[in-house]
Protein backbone atom coordinates (compact mmCIF):
# COMPACT_ATOMS: atom_id res chain seq x y z
CA MET A 1 1.42 -16.00 -1.80
CA ILE A 2 -2.24 -17.49 -1.48
CA ALA A 3 -5.33 -15.21 -0.65
CA ASP A 4 -6.54 -15.77 3.23
CA GLY A 5 -9.85 -17.84 1.51
CA SER A 6 -12.53 -15.41 3.43
CA GLU A 7 -15.44 -14.29 1.36
CA VAL A 8 -15.23 -11.27 -0.55
CA ARG A 9 -18.06 -8.87 0.26
CA PRO A 10 -19.50 -6.04 -0.41
CA ALA A 11 -18.68 -3.71 2.26
CA GLY A 12 -15.76 -3.07 3.98
CA THR A 13 -14.54 -5.49 6.77
CA ALA A 14 -12.04 -4.00 8.47
CA THR A 15 -12.45 -5.25 12.47
CA VAL A 16 -13.99 -3.01 15.11
CA SER A 17 -13.20 -3.18 18.67
CA ARG A 18 -16.61 -1.88 19.89
CA ALA A 19 -19.69 -1.13 18.37
CA ALA A 20 -20.97 2.31 16.72
CA GLY A 21 -21.99 4.83 19.86
CA ASP A 22 -20.23 2.47 22.82
CA PRO A 23 -18.93 5.25 24.72
CA ARG A 24 -16.02 3.57 25.75
CA ILE A 25 -12.76 3.93 24.48
CA GLY A 26 -9.80 1.56 24.59
CA PRO A 27 -7.17 0.10 21.86
CA GLY A 28 -8.64 -0.68 18.54
CA ARG A 29 -11.33 1.27 16.69
CA VAL A 30 -13.06 4.70 17.78
CA ALA A 31 -15.96 6.50 17.26
CA ALA A 32 -13.98 10.09 17.27
CA THR A 33 -16.35 13.16 17.20
CA PHE A 34 -15.49 16.69 17.20
CA ASP A 35 -17.23 17.64 20.28
CA GLU A 36 -16.65 18.17 23.94
CA ASP A 37 -17.79 14.88 25.53
CA PHE A 38 -15.65 12.62 23.18
CA ALA A 39 -12.47 15.27 24.40
CA GLY A 40 -13.73 14.34 27.79
CA ARG A 41 -13.82 10.44 27.07
CA LEU A 42 -10.43 10.78 25.69
CA ALA A 43 -9.21 12.45 28.36
CA ALA A 44 -11.06 9.97 30.98
CA ALA A 45 -9.67 7.29 29.15
CA GLY A 46 -5.66 8.67 29.90
CA VAL A 47 -4.98 9.46 26.08
CA ARG A 48 -2.53 12.24 25.91
CA VAL A 49 -1.53 12.87 22.71
CA ILE A 50 -2.82 12.57 19.25
CA ARG A 51 -1.12 11.22 16.26
CA VAL A 52 -2.33 13.20 12.98
CA ILE A 53 -1.02 10.99 9.89
CA TYR A 54 -1.01 11.55 6.43
CA VAL A 55 0.84 9.57 3.71
CA ASP A 56 3.40 10.28 1.45
CA LEU A 57 3.99 10.00 -1.96
CA PHE A 58 6.43 6.53 -0.96
CA GLY A 59 3.84 4.85 1.22
CA ARG A 60 5.06 6.59 4.30
CA GLN A 61 3.97 7.78 7.37
CA ARG A 62 4.25 11.71 8.03
CA ALA A 63 2.53 12.81 11.53
CA LYS A 64 2.10 15.76 13.54
CA GLN A 65 1.78 14.58 17.65
CA VAL A 66 -0.48 17.01 19.29
CA SER A 67 -1.41 16.94 22.91
CA ALA A 68 -5.25 15.10 23.19
CA GLU A 69 -6.17 18.52 25.13
CA ARG A 70 -5.98 20.52 21.58
CA TRP A 71 -8.47 18.11 20.24
CA MET A 72 -11.47 20.32 19.74
CA SER A 73 -8.65 22.42 17.44
CA LEU A 74 -7.72 19.79 15.02
CA GLU A 75 -11.42 20.44 13.90
CA ALA A 76 -9.85 22.83 10.96
CA GLY A 77 -7.43 20.84 10.31
CA ILE A 78 -3.13 20.95 10.90
CA ALA A 79 -0.59 22.47 8.18
CA PHE A 80 2.38 20.38 6.82
CA SER A 81 4.73 22.30 4.33
CA LYS A 82 4.00 21.08 0.75
CA MET A 83 7.56 20.57 0.27
CA ALA A 84 7.42 17.92 2.32
CA SER A 85 5.29 16.06 0.17
CA ALA A 86 7.91 16.82 -2.82
CA GLU A 87 11.09 15.50 -0.83
CA ASP A 88 12.71 12.46 -2.34
CA LEU A 89 14.57 9.71 -0.21
CA PHE A 90 17.47 11.81 0.12
CA GLY A 91 15.21 14.58 2.05
CA GLU A 92 15.93 16.74 -0.66
CA GLY A 93 13.05 18.39 -2.05
CA VAL A 94 12.30 18.90 -5.81
CA PRO A 95 13.63 22.58 -7.45
CA ALA A 96 10.93 25.11 -6.42
CA ALA A 97 12.39 27.05 -9.37
CA GLN A 98 11.02 23.41 -11.69
CA PHE A 99 7.56 23.40 -9.90
CA THR A 100 5.98 27.14 -9.16
CA GLY A 101 3.21 25.71 -7.01
CA LEU A 102 6.00 24.67 -4.62
CA ALA A 103 8.35 28.11 -4.97
CA ALA A 104 6.71 29.93 -1.82
CA HIS A 105 6.81 26.76 -0.26
CA PRO A 106 3.09 26.81 1.17
CA ASP A 107 1.15 24.93 3.42
CA LEU A 108 -1.33 22.32 2.83
CA HIS A 109 -3.84 21.45 5.57
CA ALA A 110 -4.03 17.81 6.75
CA ARG A 111 -8.19 17.18 7.75
CA LEU A 112 -8.72 14.28 9.24
CA ASP A 113 -10.64 11.38 8.84
CA LEU A 114 -12.44 11.02 11.81
CA GLY A 115 -13.47 7.45 10.68
CA THR A 116 -9.92 6.05 10.77
CA ALA A 117 -9.38 6.60 14.47
CA ARG A 118 -8.06 3.93 16.94
CA ILE A 119 -5.60 3.84 19.66
CA PRO A 120 -2.73 1.26 19.29
CA PRO A 121 -2.73 -1.44 21.70
CA TRP A 122 0.78 -1.03 22.23
CA GLU A 123 0.43 2.89 22.89
CA PRO A 124 -2.78 3.52 24.93
CA ASP A 125 -2.46 6.69 25.60
CA ALA A 126 -2.55 7.80 22.19
CA LEU A 127 -5.32 8.03 18.71
CA TRP A 128 -4.01 7.94 15.80
CA VAL A 129 -5.95 9.29 13.10
CA LEU A 130 -5.21 9.27 9.12
CA SER A 131 -5.77 12.71 6.99
CA ALA A 132 -6.12 13.82 3.29
CA LEU A 133 -4.29 16.53 2.30
CA SER A 134 -5.89 20.04 1.02
CA GLU A 135 -4.79 22.83 -0.87
CA HIS A 136 -6.79 26.12 -1.08
CA GLY A 137 -9.79 24.33 0.08
CA ASP A 138 -9.37 21.54 -3.02
CA ARG A 139 -7.75 17.69 -2.74
CA SER A 140 -4.17 17.91 -3.18
CA ALA A 141 -2.70 16.37 -5.85
CA LEU A 142 0.33 15.08 -4.06
CA CYS A 143 -2.03 12.92 -1.38
CA PRO A 144 -2.05 9.52 -2.22
CA ARG A 145 -5.31 9.06 -0.21
CA ASN A 146 -6.96 11.69 -2.49
CA GLN A 147 -5.48 10.45 -5.70
CA LEU A 148 -7.33 7.24 -4.38
CA ALA A 149 -10.27 8.50 -3.64
CA GLU A 150 -10.20 10.42 -6.86
CA ALA A 151 -9.80 7.24 -9.04
CA SER A 152 -12.68 5.65 -6.99
CA ASP A 153 -15.40 8.46 -7.72
CA ALA A 154 -14.29 8.43 -11.68
CA LEU A 155 -14.79 4.88 -11.30
CA MET A 156 -18.46 5.11 -10.17
CA ALA A 157 -18.94 7.86 -12.01
CA ASN A 158 -18.02 6.25 -15.20
CA THR A 159 -19.27 2.77 -14.62
CA GLY A 160 -21.88 2.98 -11.06
CA PHE A 161 -18.77 0.27 -9.92
CA ARG A 162 -17.48 0.23 -6.89
CA ALA A 163 -14.08 -1.43 -5.73
CA VAL A 164 -13.57 -3.63 -2.77
CA ALA A 165 -10.00 -4.80 -2.35
CA ALA A 166 -7.50 -6.71 -0.06
CA GLY A 167 -3.55 -6.34 0.15
CA GLU A 168 -1.03 -9.22 0.69
CA PRO A 169 2.11 -7.77 1.71
CA GLU A 170 5.14 -9.62 2.74
CA PHE A 171 8.23 -8.30 4.44
CA TYR A 172 10.99 -9.08 6.01
CA LEU A 173 12.61 -9.43 10.18
CA PHE A 174 16.26 -8.58 10.59
CA ARG A 175 18.55 -8.61 13.50
CA ASP A 176 21.46 -6.17 13.41
CA ASP A 177 23.81 -7.63 16.21
CA GLY A 178 26.88 -5.79 15.21
CA ASP A 179 28.00 -7.74 11.76
CA GLY A 180 24.88 -6.75 9.80
CA PRO A 181 21.37 -7.37 9.29
CA ARG A 182 20.64 -10.97 8.98
CA PRO A 183 17.21 -12.30 9.20
CA TYR A 184 15.60 -12.76 12.87
CA SER A 185 14.89 -16.57 11.90
CA SER A 186 17.34 -19.22 10.05
CA ASP A 187 14.64 -22.46 10.66
CA GLY A 188 11.33 -23.17 9.59
CA VAL A 189 9.45 -24.01 6.78
CA SER A 190 6.85 -21.98 4.46
CA TYR A 191 3.75 -21.38 5.59
CA THR A 192 4.25 -22.11 9.24
CA ILE A 193 4.22 -19.98 11.84
CA ASP A 194 5.87 -21.99 14.62
CA ARG A 195 8.86 -21.31 17.22
CA TYR A 196 11.41 -22.75 14.17
CA ALA A 197 9.87 -19.65 12.02
CA ASP A 198 9.18 -17.23 14.79
CA PRO A 199 11.73 -18.00 17.87
CA ASP A 200 10.68 -14.93 19.91
CA GLY A 201 7.21 -15.31 19.25
CA THR A 202 7.59 -11.64 17.73
CA VAL A 203 5.61 -12.67 14.66
CA GLY A 204 2.97 -13.75 16.98
CA ARG A 205 2.53 -10.93 19.10
CA MET A 206 2.35 -8.71 16.46
CA HIS A 207 -0.74 -10.47 14.94
CA ARG A 208 -2.43 -9.79 18.05
CA MET A 209 -1.36 -6.60 18.42
CA LEU A 210 -2.88 -5.96 14.69
CA ILE A 211 -5.94 -7.45 15.28
CA ASP A 212 -6.54 -5.35 18.20
CA LEU A 213 -5.50 -2.39 15.93
CA GLY A 214 -8.65 -2.87 14.45
CA ILE A 215 -7.02 -3.10 10.47
CA GLY A 216 -8.60 -6.23 9.53
CA VAL A 217 -5.55 -8.69 9.76
CA THR A 218 -6.73 -12.28 8.66
CA VAL A 219 -3.96 -14.45 8.14
CA VAL A 220 0.08 -14.63 9.65
CA ASN A 221 2.78 -17.27 8.09
CA ARG A 222 6.48 -17.67 7.17
CA GLU A 223 7.09 -16.95 3.38
CA PHE A 224 9.74 -18.99 1.01
CA SER A 225 12.81 -17.26 3.49
CA PRO A 226 13.67 -17.32 6.53
CA GLY A 227 12.50 -14.34 8.36
CA GLN A 228 10.15 -13.78 5.44
CA PHE A 229 6.60 -13.20 6.32
CA GLU A 230 3.15 -12.22 5.36
CA ILE A 231 -0.08 -11.03 7.08
CA ASN A 232 -3.03 -10.96 4.50
CA LEU A 233 -5.80 -8.34 5.14
CA GLY A 234 -9.94 -9.00 4.97
CA HIS A 235 -11.21 -7.24 1.68
CA GLY A 236 -13.38 -3.74 2.17
CA ASP A 237 -13.95 -1.05 -0.01
CA VAL A 238 -10.83 0.23 -1.75
CA LEU A 239 -9.84 3.11 0.45
CA ASP A 240 -10.41 1.32 3.65
CA ALA A 241 -8.05 -1.39 2.28
CA ALA A 242 -5.57 0.93 1.40
CA ASP A 243 -5.66 2.48 5.02
CA ASP A 244 -5.50 -1.11 6.45
CA ALA A 245 -2.30 -2.29 3.89
CA PHE A 246 -0.73 1.02 5.05
CA LEU A 247 -1.22 0.94 8.57
CA LEU A 248 -0.28 -2.86 8.62
CA LYS A 249 3.55 -1.40 7.02
CA SER A 250 3.82 1.34 9.77
CA SER A 251 2.63 -0.60 12.71
CA VAL A 252 4.95 -3.38 11.90
CA LYS A 253 8.28 -1.12 11.65
CA GLU A 254 7.11 -0.28 14.79
CA LEU A 255 6.21 -3.19 16.93
CA ALA A 256 9.57 -4.65 15.58
CA ALA A 257 11.82 -1.72 16.48
CA ARG A 258 10.26 -2.22 19.90
CA ALA A 259 11.41 -5.94 19.89
CA GLY A 260 14.69 -4.85 18.70
CA LEU A 261 14.18 -5.64 14.87
CA ARG A 262 13.91 -4.21 11.67
CA ALA A 263 10.99 -4.64 9.95
CA THR A 264 11.90 -3.99 5.56
CA PHE A 265 9.09 -3.86 2.92
CA MET A 266 11.82 -3.82 0.34
CA ALA A 267 11.57 -5.50 -2.84
CA LYS A 268 14.62 -7.67 -2.56
CA PRO A 269 16.77 -7.12 0.86
CA GLN A 270 19.57 -9.28 0.07
CA SER A 271 20.76 -11.37 -2.83
CA ASP A 272 19.80 -14.90 -1.87
CA LEU A 273 16.58 -13.86 -0.11
CA ALA A 274 13.72 -14.32 -2.16
CA GLY A 275 11.67 -10.74 -2.95
CA SER A 276 8.98 -9.58 -1.09
CA GLY A 277 5.76 -8.96 -2.61
CA PHE A 278 2.79 -6.73 -2.38
CA HIS A 279 -0.22 -8.60 -4.09
CA VAL A 280 -3.54 -6.97 -4.44
CA HIS A 281 -6.98 -8.62 -4.53
CA VAL A 282 -10.46 -6.66 -6.61
CA SER A 283 -13.34 -6.80 -7.42
CA LEU A 284 -16.04 -4.52 -8.37
CA TRP A 285 -20.00 -4.05 -7.20
CA ASP A 286 -23.03 -3.14 -8.26
CA ASP A 287 -24.95 -2.58 -5.04
CA ASP A 288 -25.15 -5.97 -3.52
CA ARG A 289 -23.83 -7.26 -6.84
CA ASN A 290 -20.57 -9.05 -7.70
CA VAL A 291 -20.01 -7.85 -11.66
CA PHE A 292 -16.97 -10.20 -12.12
CA ALA A 293 -19.25 -13.00 -11.81
CA ASP A 294 -20.77 -14.12 -14.77
CA GLY A 295 -23.19 -16.80 -12.98
CA ARG A 296 -21.92 -19.55 -14.41
CA ASP A 297 -18.65 -19.99 -12.37
CA LYS A 298 -16.53 -17.76 -15.35
CA LEU A 299 -15.24 -14.48 -15.33
CA SER A 300 -17.69 -11.98 -17.37
CA VAL A 301 -17.64 -9.73 -19.74
CA VAL A 302 -16.75 -6.60 -17.31
CA GLY A 303 -13.89 -8.99 -15.47
CA LEU A 304 -12.04 -9.45 -19.09
CA ARG A 305 -12.45 -6.15 -20.08
CA ALA A 306 -11.03 -5.31 -16.46
CA VAL A 307 -7.93 -7.44 -17.02
CA ALA A 308 -7.38 -5.99 -20.39
CA GLY A 309 -6.99 -2.49 -18.40
CA LEU A 310 -5.40 -3.85 -16.46
CA GLN A 311 -2.46 -5.43 -19.36
CA THR A 312 -2.83 -2.13 -21.25
CA HIS A 313 -1.60 -0.02 -18.68
CA ALA A 314 0.92 -2.75 -17.49
CA PRO A 315 4.32 -0.39 -18.07
CA ALA A 316 3.06 2.52 -16.28
CA LEU A 317 1.48 0.65 -13.50
CA MET A 318 5.27 -0.60 -13.26
CA ALA A 319 6.25 2.67 -11.76
CA LEU A 320 4.20 2.78 -9.03
CA GLY A 321 3.76 -0.96 -8.16
CA ALA A 322 7.34 -1.93 -8.77
CA PRO A 323 8.31 1.44 -7.74
CA THR A 324 12.54 1.59 -6.72
CA VAL A 325 15.67 0.75 -8.21
CA ASN A 326 15.61 -2.25 -5.94
CA SER A 327 12.30 -3.69 -7.04
CA TYR A 328 13.75 -4.33 -10.63
CA ARG A 329 15.85 -6.93 -8.78
CA ARG A 330 13.18 -9.13 -8.03
CA VAL A 331 11.21 -8.39 -11.07
CA HIS A 332 13.28 -11.22 -13.42
CA GLY A 333 10.46 -14.28 -13.02
CA GLU A 334 11.90 -15.22 -9.45
CA ALA A 335 9.64 -16.34 -7.05
CA LEU A 336 6.62 -16.25 -9.20
CA SER A 337 7.01 -12.47 -10.15
CA PRO A 338 5.86 -11.74 -13.57
CA ARG A 339 7.98 -10.55 -16.50
CA ARG A 340 4.91 -10.39 -18.67
CA SER A 341 1.42 -8.57 -18.36
CA ASN A 342 -0.61 -12.11 -18.75
CA TRP A 343 -3.22 -13.69 -17.20
CA GLY A 344 -4.80 -17.07 -16.31
CA HIS A 345 -6.99 -18.75 -13.77
CA ASP A 346 -5.12 -19.91 -10.86
CA ASP A 347 -1.74 -19.21 -11.82
CA ARG A 348 0.61 -17.68 -9.80
CA ASN A 349 3.08 -16.94 -12.66
CA THR A 350 0.73 -14.36 -14.09
CA PHE A 351 0.54 -10.54 -14.16
CA VAL A 352 -3.25 -10.95 -13.23
CA ARG A 353 -4.39 -14.09 -11.67
CA VAL A 354 -8.30 -15.13 -11.07
CA PRO A 355 -8.41 -17.01 -8.37
CA PRO A 356 -9.99 -20.09 -8.19
CA GLU A 357 -12.90 -19.25 -5.24
CA LEU A 358 -15.60 -17.49 -7.88
CA GLY A 359 -19.23 -16.76 -7.67
CA ASP A 360 -19.74 -13.82 -5.59
CA SER A 361 -15.95 -14.38 -4.54
CA THR A 362 -14.37 -13.74 -7.98
CA ARG A 363 -11.73 -11.28 -8.20
CA LEU A 364 -8.48 -10.23 -10.04
CA GLU A 365 -5.31 -10.38 -8.48
CA LEU A 366 -2.28 -7.83 -9.19
CA ARG A 367 0.68 -9.58 -8.79
CA LEU A 368 3.53 -7.57 -10.37
CA GLY A 369 3.53 -5.07 -7.01
CA ASP A 370 6.37 -5.48 -4.33
CA ALA A 371 6.08 -4.48 -0.81
CA SER A 372 7.68 -1.36 -0.91
CA ALA A 373 4.80 0.05 -2.96
CA SER A 374 2.44 2.58 -1.57
CA PRO A 375 -0.76 0.66 -1.02
CA HIS A 376 -2.87 4.04 -2.00
CA LEU A 377 -1.10 5.19 -5.62
CA VAL A 378 -1.13 1.30 -6.74
CA MET A 379 -4.81 0.23 -6.20
CA ALA A 380 -5.74 4.23 -7.68
CA ALA A 381 -3.70 3.08 -11.32
CA MET A 382 -5.44 -0.12 -11.12
CA LEU A 383 -8.95 1.51 -10.88
CA HIS A 384 -7.99 3.70 -13.28
CA ALA A 385 -6.30 1.25 -15.75
CA ILE A 386 -9.70 -1.33 -15.36
CA ARG A 387 -11.72 2.05 -15.72
CA ASP A 388 -10.36 2.36 -19.32
CA GLY A 389 -10.53 -1.41 -19.56
CA ILE A 390 -14.46 -1.33 -19.26
CA ASP A 391 -14.78 2.01 -21.04
CA ARG A 392 -13.03 1.46 -24.11
CA GLU A 393 -14.31 -2.54 -23.75
CA LEU A 394 -10.77 -3.98 -24.18
CA GLU A 395 -10.18 -7.11 -25.06
CA PRO A 396 -7.01 -9.36 -22.82
CA THR A 397 -4.73 -11.54 -24.26
CA ALA A 398 -3.66 -14.76 -22.71
CA GLU A 399 0.11 -13.57 -23.18
CA GLY A 400 0.27 -9.95 -22.51
CA ALA A 401 3.31 -7.84 -23.14
CA SER A 402 7.23 -7.69 -21.76
CA LEU A 403 7.20 -5.26 -18.45
CA PRO A 404 9.50 -2.88 -18.31
CA SER A 405 12.65 -3.64 -16.51
CA SER A 406 14.02 -0.98 -14.87
CA LEU A 407 12.73 1.88 -13.36
CA ASP A 408 13.57 4.80 -15.36
CA GLU A 409 11.80 2.72 -18.39
CA ALA A 410 8.51 2.39 -16.03
CA ILE A 411 8.80 6.11 -15.03
CA ASP A 412 8.90 7.01 -19.18
CA ALA A 413 5.84 4.70 -19.56
CA LEU A 414 3.90 6.83 -17.01
CA ALA A 415 4.65 10.16 -18.24
CA LYS A 416 3.24 9.15 -21.66
CA ASP A 417 0.41 7.27 -20.35
CA GLU A 418 -2.46 9.56 -21.25
CA VAL A 419 -5.08 8.01 -18.64
CA PHE A 420 -2.68 7.48 -15.68
CA VAL A 421 -1.64 11.61 -16.65
CA GLU A 422 -5.56 12.85 -16.82
CA GLY A 423 -6.53 10.53 -13.99
CA PHE A 424 -3.31 11.48 -11.27
CA GLY A 425 -2.74 14.51 -13.10
CA SER A 426 0.26 16.62 -13.91
CA GLU A 427 1.61 18.09 -10.80
CA PHE A 428 1.64 14.32 -9.50
CA ILE A 429 3.02 12.83 -12.57
CA GLU A 430 6.08 15.43 -12.80
CA VAL A 431 6.62 15.54 -9.02
CA TYR A 432 6.59 11.58 -8.71
CA SER A 433 8.76 11.41 -11.81
CA ALA A 434 11.17 13.74 -10.68
CA LEU A 435 11.37 12.06 -7.73
CA LYS A 436 12.12 9.00 -8.73
CA ALA A 437 14.22 10.07 -11.87
CA ARG A 438 17.07 11.24 -8.98
CA GLU A 439 16.98 7.11 -7.55
CA VAL A 440 17.68 6.17 -10.98
CA HIS A 441 20.25 8.60 -11.28
CA ALA A 442 22.19 7.09 -7.45
CA GLY A 443 21.34 4.01 -8.85
CA ARG A 444 23.62 4.22 -11.91
CA VAL A 445 26.52 5.93 -10.19
CA GLN A 446 26.70 4.06 -6.99
CA VAL A 447 29.48 1.63 -6.86
CA ALA A 448 28.06 -1.84 -5.60
CA SER A 449 29.93 -4.27 -3.53
CA TRP A 450 29.66 -6.91 -5.51
CA GLU A 451 31.46 -4.50 -8.21
CA TRP A 452 34.46 -4.25 -6.12
CA ASP A 453 34.22 -8.23 -5.05
CA LEU A 454 34.35 -8.89 -9.04
CA TYR A 455 36.40 -6.81 -10.27
CA ALA A 456 38.80 -5.06 -8.06
CA GLN A 457 41.53 -8.05 -8.72
CA HIS A 458 40.84 -8.60 -12.34
CA ALA A 459 40.32 -5.41 -13.86
């Protein structure tokens, strides 16, 4: 619920296990290159497999695992069916007849981003590498990493500024002993990490492994409900920040499974538990100058216009920051979640909060998002909104306006938001909206357990 207090710096701050050029290969970040020397060092280090990862539209990990002996062949990329990028949470693709670009089930090619290569400390014989999807040599609109890169490029082209960001995802750990899921711990209080909150030491071990993974993790603590935790990330260039948040979520799920637990980042896992948020801190930089700072411990004019842009596009932002039917079980004012697009200084009830650390650490904290959101898509939407606020010299309002109360309202707002339609492209908007429409329909026709409990004997 709070920022880690670390200084906002203009350059990426992800932890690196070893200096650039160091020939050793071990857990953490790896200076990968497509040459025979690196391939030989992989073999010498005992690396047997390469996991080529891309991010899907729901912020999940999709991957192919390749023998490390084939390292050099990966320079040309690796193919994935495009339909996998247009597949809903029920495992069904959108109708190919409705989307002509999918009719032939063509391939997208994953191009490896060597700057993301790392060896997980819990899987020392594997090299993980993130990728971006291309279609006929161009960035695919169905790739969230591409969407964030495009939004960052547009911000730089229009304003000359680049974005620095940090994410704060919350999550739950559950046990399942045959009687259904129950929180991993039942004791402890918020802002602790002792053996009451973390009885088996699982979260403590996760924290250590994530530090060694090299994704810039900083603070870990128990949150408001039993079994709920937050792991904060350091500030870095926006694509690095989104990659780090994505890798944190993927890694926490894997590490929980190894411990016999289930990790979930869903917004509201149980009715009697607090919701899980994903708060994003962002600042804009002109070289080494934070343009949100005005030199007098206030928010600059550029910062105010950025706030106004976020407020103006708040309804469409909700489609990406609160992207599930379950998300709207959380955003009704509980657990400091906003119901209006208001803003304020050091006020956790607001949609946009200005944290108290000003000067070079001046930043905006967007508090609408929940932990089920795709970090790349949320940050891309934020940059589009901020760019529009600066371009049109918009003025913020203290109270803002009411936010959508359901996913279908938010998706409708997304489809009507001209800045987002132009920024994300029509293919993304149409496919994403179609996938989410299926979730909305399923949510409407399913009978929830509380309906049976309430009405079965009384109707």
